[in-house]
Protein backbone atom coordinates (compact mmCIF):
# COMPACT_ATOMS: atom_id res chain seq x y z
CA MET A 1 177.14 313.67 256.71
CA ARG A 2 174.36 316.25 256.78
CA VAL A 3 173.08 317.35 253.36
CA GLY A 4 170.91 320.45 253.03
CA VAL A 5 168.22 320.39 250.36
CA ILE A 6 166.44 323.44 248.99
CA SER A 7 164.40 324.16 245.88
CA ASP A 8 162.23 326.74 244.17
CA THR A 9 163.76 329.80 245.81
CA HIS A 10 162.62 331.95 242.85
CA GLY A 11 165.17 334.61 243.75
CA LEU A 12 164.28 334.75 247.45
CA LEU A 13 166.48 333.17 250.10
CA ARG A 14 164.78 333.69 253.43
CA PRO A 15 166.84 333.97 256.64
CA ALA A 16 165.03 330.93 258.08
CA ALA A 17 166.13 328.81 255.11
CA LEU A 18 169.74 329.94 255.50
CA ALA A 19 169.60 329.16 259.22
CA ALA A 20 168.19 325.68 258.53
CA LEU A 21 171.02 324.93 256.09
CA ARG A 22 173.81 326.29 258.28
CA GLY A 23 176.07 323.46 259.44
CA CYS A 24 175.39 321.22 256.44
CA ASP A 25 178.32 319.42 254.83
CA HIS A 26 176.83 319.84 251.34
CA VAL A 27 173.85 321.73 249.89
CA LEU A 28 171.66 320.61 246.98
CA HIS A 29 169.45 323.11 245.11
CA ALA A 30 166.79 321.40 242.99
CA GLY A 31 166.19 324.30 240.60
CA ASP A 32 164.18 327.46 240.03
CA VAL A 33 167.00 329.40 241.68
CA GLY A 34 165.92 332.77 240.31
CA ASP A 35 168.97 334.86 241.24
CA GLN A 36 172.73 334.25 241.26
CA ALA A 37 172.86 335.76 244.76
CA VAL A 38 170.97 332.70 246.03
CA LEU A 39 173.70 330.37 244.77
CA THR A 40 176.42 332.63 246.13
CA ALA A 41 174.85 332.63 249.61
CA LEU A 42 174.36 328.85 249.59
CA ALA A 43 177.91 328.21 248.38
CA ALA A 44 179.19 330.26 251.33
CA LEU A 45 177.59 327.69 253.66
CA ALA A 46 178.94 324.47 252.14
CA PRO A 47 179.87 322.88 248.82
CA LEU A 48 176.88 323.38 246.51
CA THR A 49 175.37 321.33 243.70
CA ALA A 50 172.49 322.89 241.76
CA VAL A 51 170.35 322.12 238.73
CA ARG A 52 168.38 324.36 236.39
CA GLY A 53 164.65 324.72 236.88
CA ASN A 54 161.97 325.56 234.33
CA ASN A 55 162.14 329.25 235.36
CA ASP A 56 165.95 329.49 235.18
CA HIS A 57 165.97 330.61 231.52
CA GLY A 58 169.45 331.02 230.06
CA TRP A 59 171.21 329.67 233.16
CA ARG A 60 174.29 327.52 232.67
CA LEU A 61 173.23 324.87 235.14
CA PRO A 62 172.73 321.22 234.22
CA GLU A 63 169.23 319.75 233.93
CA HIS A 64 170.22 316.90 236.25
CA VAL A 65 173.23 315.80 238.25
CA ASP A 66 174.19 312.35 239.49
CA LEU A 67 176.52 312.45 242.47
CA THR A 68 177.58 310.35 245.43
CA LEU A 69 177.63 311.71 248.96
CA ALA A 70 178.58 309.57 251.96
CA GLY A 71 178.35 306.48 249.76
CA HIS A 72 174.79 307.21 248.58
CA ALA A 73 174.05 307.69 244.88
CA ILE A 74 171.86 310.78 244.41
CA HIS A 75 169.95 311.89 241.32
CA LEU A 76 169.22 315.65 241.47
CA VAL A 77 166.63 317.03 239.04
CA HIS A 78 164.10 319.87 239.07
CA ASP A 79 160.97 318.13 237.78
CA VAL A 80 160.34 314.63 239.13
CA ALA A 81 158.67 313.76 235.80
CA GLN A 82 162.14 314.04 234.21
CA ALA A 83 163.87 311.92 236.86
CA ARG A 84 165.91 308.98 235.62
CA PRO A 85 167.14 307.46 238.87
CA GLY A 86 169.03 304.52 237.38
CA GLY A 87 170.92 303.09 240.34
CA ALA A 88 170.33 306.08 242.64
CA HIS A 89 169.50 305.53 246.30
CA VAL A 90 167.94 309.02 246.53
CA VAL A 91 166.07 311.20 244.02
CA VAL A 92 165.91 314.88 244.96
CA ALA A 93 163.47 317.04 242.98
CA GLY A 94 161.59 320.31 243.29
CA HIS A 95 159.14 321.98 240.91
CA SER A 96 155.83 320.94 242.50
CA HIS A 97 156.32 323.07 245.65
CA GLN A 98 154.91 320.06 247.54
CA PRO A 99 157.12 318.35 250.14
CA ARG A 100 157.71 314.66 249.58
CA ASN A 101 159.65 312.16 251.67
CA GLU A 102 158.76 308.71 250.39
CA LEU A 103 160.59 305.40 250.08
CA VAL A 104 159.50 303.60 246.89
CA ARG A 105 161.06 300.23 246.00
CA GLY A 106 164.21 301.06 247.94
CA VAL A 107 164.65 304.58 246.51
CA LEU A 108 164.06 307.65 248.66
CA TRP A 109 162.11 310.34 246.74
CA PHE A 110 162.61 313.72 248.42
CA ASN A 111 161.20 317.16 247.63
CA PRO A 112 161.74 319.89 250.25
CA GLY A 113 158.86 322.01 248.90
CA SER A 114 159.19 325.67 247.92
CA ALA A 115 161.67 327.82 249.83
CA GLY A 116 160.96 331.06 247.94
CA ARG A 117 157.93 332.75 246.52
CA ALA A 118 155.43 329.90 246.55
CA ALA A 119 152.32 330.44 244.47
CA SER A 120 150.19 328.25 246.73
CA SER A 121 151.63 329.09 250.13
CA SER A 122 153.57 331.77 251.97
CA ARG A 123 155.31 329.03 253.97
CA SER A 124 159.00 328.60 253.18
CA ARG A 125 160.53 325.12 253.28
CA SER A 126 163.93 323.49 253.18
CA GLY A 127 165.12 320.11 254.31
CA SER A 128 168.10 318.21 255.51
CA CYS A 129 169.25 314.64 255.23
CA THR A 130 171.51 312.66 257.47
CA TRP A 131 172.28 309.74 255.21
CA ALA A 132 172.27 307.24 258.07
CA SER A 133 168.55 307.93 258.36
CA ARG A 134 165.71 309.26 256.24
CA CYS A 135 165.43 312.84 255.08
CA VAL A 136 163.37 315.29 257.10
CA ALA A 137 161.43 318.15 255.49
CA ARG A 138 161.02 321.18 257.65
CA SER A 139 160.01 324.78 257.34
């Protein structure tokens, strides 16, 4: 199973990000969506799970979601400081705009970085995970 991971689009879904997520079996958005059109475009690619970011004021998205994909328990949250992984195998977060792909005490902590209007960089990022292996962040 290939899972696409994106975060911090801030209302901008670049063609390169869409291309990177094409062919995924499921897409996770770790918050700061910025525009409903972003969710609509992502949902057209694959089943979508999204959480609310600190800039998604008034959105009816959950603050976190716990789900299982391909037998792996995933905790999806916007800000890693609010993560409560419990028994999760993978924690997916955004917010910092900094990519992270780190195994800590058996839990994979993954942040794809910013895919939209990044304050610190004009580089757009997304990532994908094949659950048989580790996640890979890419631009």
